All heavy atoms as atom14 arrays in JSON, in Angstrom:
{
  "sequence": "SVLARLGPHQTGKGCLYLKHLDDVGHDALREL",
  "atom14_mask": [
    [1, 1, 1, 1, 1, 1, 0, 0, 0, 0, 0, 0, 0, 0],
    [1, 1, 1, 1, 1, 1, 1, 0, 0, 0, 0, 0, 0, 0],
    [1, 1, 1, 1, 1, 1, 1, 1, 0, 0, 0, 0, 0, 0],
    [1, 1, 1, 1, 1, 0, 0, 0, 0, 0, 0, 0, 0, 0],
    [1, 1, 1, 1, 1, 1, 1, 1, 1, 1, 1, 0, 0, 0],
    [1, 1, 1, 1, 1, 1, 1, 1, 0, 0, 0, 0, 0, 0],
    [1, 1, 1, 1, 0, 0, 0, 0, 0, 0, 0, 0, 0, 0],
    [1, 1, 1, 1, 1, 1, 1, 0, 0, 0, 0, 0, 0, 0],
    [1, 1, 1, 1, 1, 1, 1, 1, 1, 1, 0, 0, 0, 0],
    [1, 1, 1, 1, 1, 1, 1, 1, 1, 0, 0, 0, 0, 0],
    [1, 1, 1, 1, 1, 1, 1, 0, 0, 0, 0, 0, 0, 0],
    [1, 1, 1, 1, 0, 0, 0, 0, 0, 0, 0, 0, 0, 0],
    [1, 1, 1, 1, 1, 1, 1, 1, 1, 0, 0, 0, 0, 0],
    [1, 1, 1, 1, 0, 0, 0, 0, 0, 0, 0, 0, 0, 0],
    [1, 1, 1, 1, 1, 1, 0, 0, 0, 0, 0, 0, 0, 0],
    [1, 1, 1, 1, 1, 1, 1, 1, 0, 0, 0, 0, 0, 0],
    [1, 1, 1, 1, 1, 1, 1, 1, 1, 1, 1, 1, 0, 0],
    [1, 1, 1, 1, 1, 1, 1, 1, 0, 0, 0, 0, 0, 0],
    [1, 1, 1, 1, 1, 1, 1, 1, 1, 0, 0, 0, 0, 0],
    [1, 1, 1, 1, 1, 1, 1, 1, 1, 1, 0, 0, 0, 0],
    [1, 1, 1, 1, 1, 1, 1, 1, 0, 0, 0, 0, 0, 0],
    [1, 1, 1, 1, 1, 1, 1, 1, 0, 0, 0, 0, 0, 0],
    [1, 1, 1, 1, 1, 1, 1, 1, 0, 0, 0, 0, 0, 0],
    [1, 1, 1, 1, 1, 1, 1, 0, 0, 0, 0, 0, 0, 0],
    [1, 1, 1, 1, 0, 0, 0, 0, 0, 0, 0, 0, 0, 0],
    [1, 1, 1, 1, 1, 1, 1, 1, 1, 1, 0, 0, 0, 0],
    [1, 1, 1, 1, 1, 1, 1, 1, 0, 0, 0, 0, 0, 0],
    [1, 1, 1, 1, 1, 0, 0, 0, 0, 0, 0, 0, 0, 0],
    [1, 1, 1, 1, 1, 1, 1, 1, 0, 0, 0, 0, 0, 0],
    [1, 1, 1, 1, 1, 1, 1, 1, 1, 1, 1, 0, 0, 0],
    [1, 1, 1, 1, 1, 1, 1, 1, 1, 0, 0, 0, 0, 0],
    [1, 1, 1, 1, 1, 1, 1, 1, 0, 0, 0, 0, 0, 0]
  ],
  "atom14_positions": [
    [[122.85, 80.44, 55.12], [121.78, 80.65, 54.14], [120.46, 80.05, 54.64], [119.39, 80.6, 54.37], [122.16, 80.07, 52.78], [122.31, 78.66, 52.86], [0.0, 0.0, 0.0], [0.0, 0.0, 0.0], [0.0, 0.0, 0.0], [0.0, 0.0, 0.0], [0.0, 0.0, 0.0], [0.0, 0.0, 0.0], [0.0, 0.0, 0.0], [0.0, 0.0, 0.0]],
    [[120.52, 78.96, 55.37], [119.31, 78.35, 55.92], [118.76, 79.24, 57.04], [117.56, 79.48, 57.12], [119.58, 76.92, 56.44], [118.29, 76.28, 56.97], [120.18, 76.05, 55.34], [0.0, 0.0, 0.0], [0.0, 0.0, 0.0], [0.0, 0.0, 0.0], [0.0, 0.0, 0.0], [0.0, 0.0, 0.0], [0.0, 0.0, 0.0], [0.0, 0.0, 0.0]],
    [[119.64, 79.74, 57.89], [119.21, 80.64, 58.97], [118.57, 81.91, 58.41], [117.62, 82.43, 58.99], [120.38, 81.0, 59.88], [120.8, 79.9, 60.84], [122.13, 80.26, 61.51], [119.74, 79.63, 61.88], [0.0, 0.0, 0.0], [0.0, 0.0, 0.0], [0.0, 0.0, 0.0], [0.0, 0.0, 0.0], [0.0, 0.0, 0.0], [0.0, 0.0, 0.0]],
    [[119.08, 82.39, 57.27], [118.51, 83.59, 56.65], [117.07, 83.35, 56.2], [116.25, 84.26, 56.2], [119.36, 84.02, 55.46], [0.0, 0.0, 0.0], [0.0, 0.0, 0.0], [0.0, 0.0, 0.0], [0.0, 0.0, 0.0], [0.0, 0.0, 0.0], [0.0, 0.0, 0.0], [0.0, 0.0, 0.0], [0.0, 0.0, 0.0], [0.0, 0.0, 0.0]],
    [[116.75, 82.1, 55.84], [115.38, 81.74, 55.42], [114.47, 81.41, 56.6], [113.26, 81.3, 56.42], [115.42, 80.52, 54.5], [116.14, 80.73, 53.2], [115.96, 79.57, 52.21], [115.5, 78.31, 52.74], [116.27, 77.21, 52.9], [117.55, 77.25, 52.58], [115.74, 76.09, 53.37], [0.0, 0.0, 0.0], [0.0, 0.0, 0.0], [0.0, 0.0, 0.0]],
    [[115.04, 81.23, 57.78], [114.28, 80.75, 58.92], [113.26, 81.76, 59.44], [112.14, 81.39, 59.78], [115.24, 80.36, 60.06], [114.6, 79.79, 61.31], [113.87, 78.49, 61.01], [115.68, 79.57, 62.37], [0.0, 0.0, 0.0], [0.0, 0.0, 0.0], [0.0, 0.0, 0.0], [0.0, 0.0, 0.0], [0.0, 0.0, 0.0], [0.0, 0.0, 0.0]],
    [[113.64, 83.02, 59.52], [112.76, 84.0, 60.14], [113.29, 84.36, 61.52], [114.43, 84.09, 61.85], [0.0, 0.0, 0.0], [0.0, 0.0, 0.0], [0.0, 0.0, 0.0], [0.0, 0.0, 0.0], [0.0, 0.0, 0.0], [0.0, 0.0, 0.0], [0.0, 0.0, 0.0], [0.0, 0.0, 0.0], [0.0, 0.0, 0.0], [0.0, 0.0, 0.0]],
    [[112.44, 84.98, 62.36], [112.92, 85.51, 63.64], [113.42, 84.4, 64.58], [112.71, 83.42, 64.84], [111.71, 86.21, 64.23], [110.52, 85.74, 63.46], [111.02, 85.21, 62.16], [0.0, 0.0, 0.0], [0.0, 0.0, 0.0], [0.0, 0.0, 0.0], [0.0, 0.0, 0.0], [0.0, 0.0, 0.0], [0.0, 0.0, 0.0], [0.0, 0.0, 0.0]],
    [[114.66, 84.56, 65.02], [115.28, 83.59, 65.91], [116.47, 84.24, 66.61], [116.91, 85.32, 66.22], [115.75, 82.37, 65.13], [116.86, 82.67, 64.18], [116.65, 83.18, 62.92], [118.21, 82.59, 64.33], [117.8, 83.37, 62.32], [118.78, 83.02, 63.15], [0.0, 0.0, 0.0], [0.0, 0.0, 0.0], [0.0, 0.0, 0.0], [0.0, 0.0, 0.0]],
    [[116.96, 83.55, 67.61], [118.22, 83.91, 68.26], [119.06, 82.66, 68.31], [118.53, 81.54, 68.25], [117.98, 84.45, 69.67], [117.21, 85.74, 69.72], [116.91, 86.17, 71.15], [117.03, 85.41, 72.1], [116.5, 87.41, 71.3], [0.0, 0.0, 0.0], [0.0, 0.0, 0.0], [0.0, 0.0, 0.0], [0.0, 0.0, 0.0], [0.0, 0.0, 0.0]],
    [[120.37, 82.82, 68.41], [121.25, 81.67, 68.5], [122.18, 81.8, 69.7], [122.44, 82.9, 70.18], [122.12, 81.52, 67.22], [122.92, 82.68, 67.06], [121.25, 81.29, 66.0], [0.0, 0.0, 0.0], [0.0, 0.0, 0.0], [0.0, 0.0, 0.0], [0.0, 0.0, 0.0], [0.0, 0.0, 0.0], [0.0, 0.0, 0.0], [0.0, 0.0, 0.0]],
    [[122.63, 80.69, 70.16], [123.65, 80.59, 71.2], [124.54, 79.43, 70.81], [124.35, 78.81, 69.77], [0.0, 0.0, 0.0], [0.0, 0.0, 0.0], [0.0, 0.0, 0.0], [0.0, 0.0, 0.0], [0.0, 0.0, 0.0], [0.0, 0.0, 0.0], [0.0, 0.0, 0.0], [0.0, 0.0, 0.0], [0.0, 0.0, 0.0], [0.0, 0.0, 0.0]],
    [[125.46, 79.09, 71.64], [126.39, 78.01, 71.33], [125.62, 76.68, 71.19], [125.25, 76.07, 72.17], [127.45, 77.89, 72.42], [128.54, 76.92, 72.09], [129.61, 76.92, 73.14], [130.69, 75.93, 72.73], [131.79, 75.94, 73.66], [0.0, 0.0, 0.0], [0.0, 0.0, 0.0], [0.0, 0.0, 0.0], [0.0, 0.0, 0.0], [0.0, 0.0, 0.0]],
    [[125.36, 76.28, 69.96], [124.65, 75.04, 69.7], [123.16, 75.11, 69.96], [122.48, 74.09, 69.94], [0.0, 0.0, 0.0], [0.0, 0.0, 0.0], [0.0, 0.0, 0.0], [0.0, 0.0, 0.0], [0.0, 0.0, 0.0], [0.0, 0.0, 0.0], [0.0, 0.0, 0.0], [0.0, 0.0, 0.0], [0.0, 0.0, 0.0], [0.0, 0.0, 0.0]],
    [[122.62, 76.32, 70.23], [121.19, 76.45, 70.54], [120.52, 77.42, 69.59], [121.07, 78.46, 69.24], [120.99, 76.98, 71.96], [121.58, 75.89, 73.25], [0.0, 0.0, 0.0], [0.0, 0.0, 0.0], [0.0, 0.0, 0.0], [0.0, 0.0, 0.0], [0.0, 0.0, 0.0], [0.0, 0.0, 0.0], [0.0, 0.0, 0.0], [0.0, 0.0, 0.0]],
    [[119.31, 77.06, 69.2], [118.46, 77.92, 68.39], [117.25, 78.25, 69.25], [116.6, 77.34, 69.79], [118.03, 77.17, 67.13], [117.06, 77.88, 66.19], [117.73, 79.09, 65.55], [116.59, 76.91, 65.11], [0.0, 0.0, 0.0], [0.0, 0.0, 0.0], [0.0, 0.0, 0.0], [0.0, 0.0, 0.0], [0.0, 0.0, 0.0], [0.0, 0.0, 0.0]],
    [[116.96, 79.53, 69.41], [115.85, 79.99, 70.25], [114.74, 80.55, 69.37], [114.98, 81.46, 68.58], [116.32, 81.09, 71.21], [117.43, 80.66, 72.13], [118.76, 80.87, 71.79], [117.14, 80.04, 73.34], [119.78, 80.47, 72.64], [118.15, 79.64, 74.2], [119.47, 79.86, 73.84], [120.48, 79.46, 74.69], [0.0, 0.0, 0.0], [0.0, 0.0, 0.0]],
    [[113.54, 79.99, 69.52], [112.38, 80.44, 68.76], [111.29, 80.87, 69.73], [111.01, 80.17, 70.7], [111.84, 79.31, 67.88], [112.82, 78.64, 66.92], [112.12, 77.51, 66.17], [113.39, 79.66, 65.94], [0.0, 0.0, 0.0], [0.0, 0.0, 0.0], [0.0, 0.0, 0.0], [0.0, 0.0, 0.0], [0.0, 0.0, 0.0], [0.0, 0.0, 0.0]],
    [[110.65, 82.0, 69.43], [109.52, 82.44, 70.26], [108.29, 81.58, 69.97], [107.66, 81.07, 70.88], [109.19, 83.91, 69.98], [110.14, 84.88, 70.61], [109.76, 85.11, 72.05], [110.58, 86.28, 72.58], [110.44, 86.41, 74.01], [0.0, 0.0, 0.0], [0.0, 0.0, 0.0], [0.0, 0.0, 0.0], [0.0, 0.0, 0.0], [0.0, 0.0, 0.0]],
    [[107.95, 81.48, 68.68], [106.75, 80.73, 68.29], [107.03, 79.97, 67.0], [107.63, 80.52, 66.07], [105.56, 81.66, 68.08], [105.23, 82.47, 69.29], [104.71, 81.92, 70.44], [105.37, 83.79, 69.53], [104.54, 82.86, 71.33], [104.93, 84.01, 70.82], [0.0, 0.0, 0.0], [0.0, 0.0, 0.0], [0.0, 0.0, 0.0], [0.0, 0.0, 0.0]],
    [[106.58, 78.77, 66.92], [106.83, 77.92, 65.76], [106.21, 78.49, 64.49], [106.78, 78.38, 63.41], [106.27, 76.52, 66.04], [106.92, 75.35, 65.34], [108.43, 75.34, 65.49], [106.33, 74.05, 65.84], [0.0, 0.0, 0.0], [0.0, 0.0, 0.0], [0.0, 0.0, 0.0], [0.0, 0.0, 0.0], [0.0, 0.0, 0.0], [0.0, 0.0, 0.0]],
    [[105.05, 79.15, 64.6], [104.41, 79.71, 63.42], [105.12, 80.92, 62.85], [104.81, 81.35, 61.74], [102.95, 80.07, 63.72], [102.05, 78.86, 63.83], [102.41, 77.8, 63.26], [100.99, 78.96, 64.46], [0.0, 0.0, 0.0], [0.0, 0.0, 0.0], [0.0, 0.0, 0.0], [0.0, 0.0, 0.0], [0.0, 0.0, 0.0], [0.0, 0.0, 0.0]],
    [[106.06, 81.49, 63.59], [106.79, 82.67, 63.12], [107.96, 82.33, 62.21], [108.57, 83.23, 61.63], [107.33, 83.48, 64.31], [106.21, 84.08, 65.15], [105.06, 84.14, 64.68], [106.51, 84.49, 66.29], [0.0, 0.0, 0.0], [0.0, 0.0, 0.0], [0.0, 0.0, 0.0], [0.0, 0.0, 0.0], [0.0, 0.0, 0.0], [0.0, 0.0, 0.0]],
    [[108.31, 81.05, 62.1], [109.5, 80.68, 61.34], [109.12, 79.79, 60.15], [108.05, 79.16, 60.14], [110.54, 79.95, 62.22], [111.03, 80.86, 63.33], [110.01, 78.64, 62.78], [0.0, 0.0, 0.0], [0.0, 0.0, 0.0], [0.0, 0.0, 0.0], [0.0, 0.0, 0.0], [0.0, 0.0, 0.0], [0.0, 0.0, 0.0], [0.0, 0.0, 0.0]],
    [[110.03, 79.74, 59.2], [109.84, 78.88, 58.03], [110.09, 77.43, 58.4], [111.2, 77.07, 58.79], [0.0, 0.0, 0.0], [0.0, 0.0, 0.0], [0.0, 0.0, 0.0], [0.0, 0.0, 0.0], [0.0, 0.0, 0.0], [0.0, 0.0, 0.0], [0.0, 0.0, 0.0], [0.0, 0.0, 0.0], [0.0, 0.0, 0.0], [0.0, 0.0, 0.0]],
    [[109.06, 76.61, 58.27], [109.18, 75.2, 58.68], [110.16, 74.43, 57.8], [110.84, 73.53, 58.29], [107.81, 74.54, 58.7], [106.97, 75.03, 59.84], [105.94, 74.31, 60.35], [107.03, 76.17, 60.58], [105.38, 74.98, 61.36], [106.02, 76.12, 61.49], [0.0, 0.0, 0.0], [0.0, 0.0, 0.0], [0.0, 0.0, 0.0], [0.0, 0.0, 0.0]],
    [[110.23, 74.76, 56.51], [111.19, 74.07, 55.63], [112.62, 74.35, 56.09], [113.45, 73.43, 56.14], [111.01, 74.5, 54.17], [109.74, 73.95, 53.55], [109.16, 73.0, 54.11], [109.31, 74.5, 52.51], [0.0, 0.0, 0.0], [0.0, 0.0, 0.0], [0.0, 0.0, 0.0], [0.0, 0.0, 0.0], [0.0, 0.0, 0.0], [0.0, 0.0, 0.0]],
    [[112.92, 75.59, 56.43], [114.26, 75.94, 56.9], [114.54, 75.26, 58.25], [115.65, 74.74, 58.47], [114.42, 77.46, 57.03], [0.0, 0.0, 0.0], [0.0, 0.0, 0.0], [0.0, 0.0, 0.0], [0.0, 0.0, 0.0], [0.0, 0.0, 0.0], [0.0, 0.0, 0.0], [0.0, 0.0, 0.0], [0.0, 0.0, 0.0], [0.0, 0.0, 0.0]],
    [[113.57, 75.24, 59.14], [113.75, 74.59, 60.44], [114.01, 73.09, 60.26], [114.92, 72.53, 60.86], [112.54, 74.82, 61.34], [112.6, 74.18, 62.73], [113.81, 74.68, 63.51], [111.31, 74.48, 63.48], [0.0, 0.0, 0.0], [0.0, 0.0, 0.0], [0.0, 0.0, 0.0], [0.0, 0.0, 0.0], [0.0, 0.0, 0.0], [0.0, 0.0, 0.0]],
    [[113.23, 72.45, 59.42], [113.42, 71.02, 59.14], [114.81, 70.76, 58.59], [115.47, 69.79, 58.96], [112.37, 70.51, 58.16], [110.96, 70.49, 58.71], [109.96, 70.03, 57.64], [110.13, 68.61, 57.4], [109.55, 67.67, 58.13], [108.76, 67.99, 59.13], [109.76, 66.4, 57.86], [0.0, 0.0, 0.0], [0.0, 0.0, 0.0], [0.0, 0.0, 0.0]],
    [[115.26, 71.64, 57.69], [116.59, 71.48, 57.1], [117.68, 71.61, 58.15], [118.64, 70.83, 58.17], [116.79, 72.5, 55.98], [118.1, 72.31, 55.23], [118.25, 73.23, 54.04], [117.25, 73.81, 53.57], [119.4, 73.37, 53.57], [0.0, 0.0, 0.0], [0.0, 0.0, 0.0], [0.0, 0.0, 0.0], [0.0, 0.0, 0.0], [0.0, 0.0, 0.0]],
    [[117.56, 72.58, 59.05], [118.55, 72.74, 60.11], [118.62, 71.5, 61.01], [119.71, 71.03, 61.35], [118.24, 73.97, 60.97], [118.55, 75.32, 60.35], [117.94, 76.43, 61.2], [120.06, 75.5, 60.22], [0.0, 0.0, 0.0], [0.0, 0.0, 0.0], [0.0, 0.0, 0.0], [0.0, 0.0, 0.0], [0.0, 0.0, 0.0], [0.0, 0.0, 0.0]]
  ]
}
């Protein structure tokens, strides 16, 4: 549910990949 609020991202084993910080929800990122 937190990832759904995050915005554009990719995941890998234990890794979260973001293109740009402004493209994602900072509250969701902080929570993760």
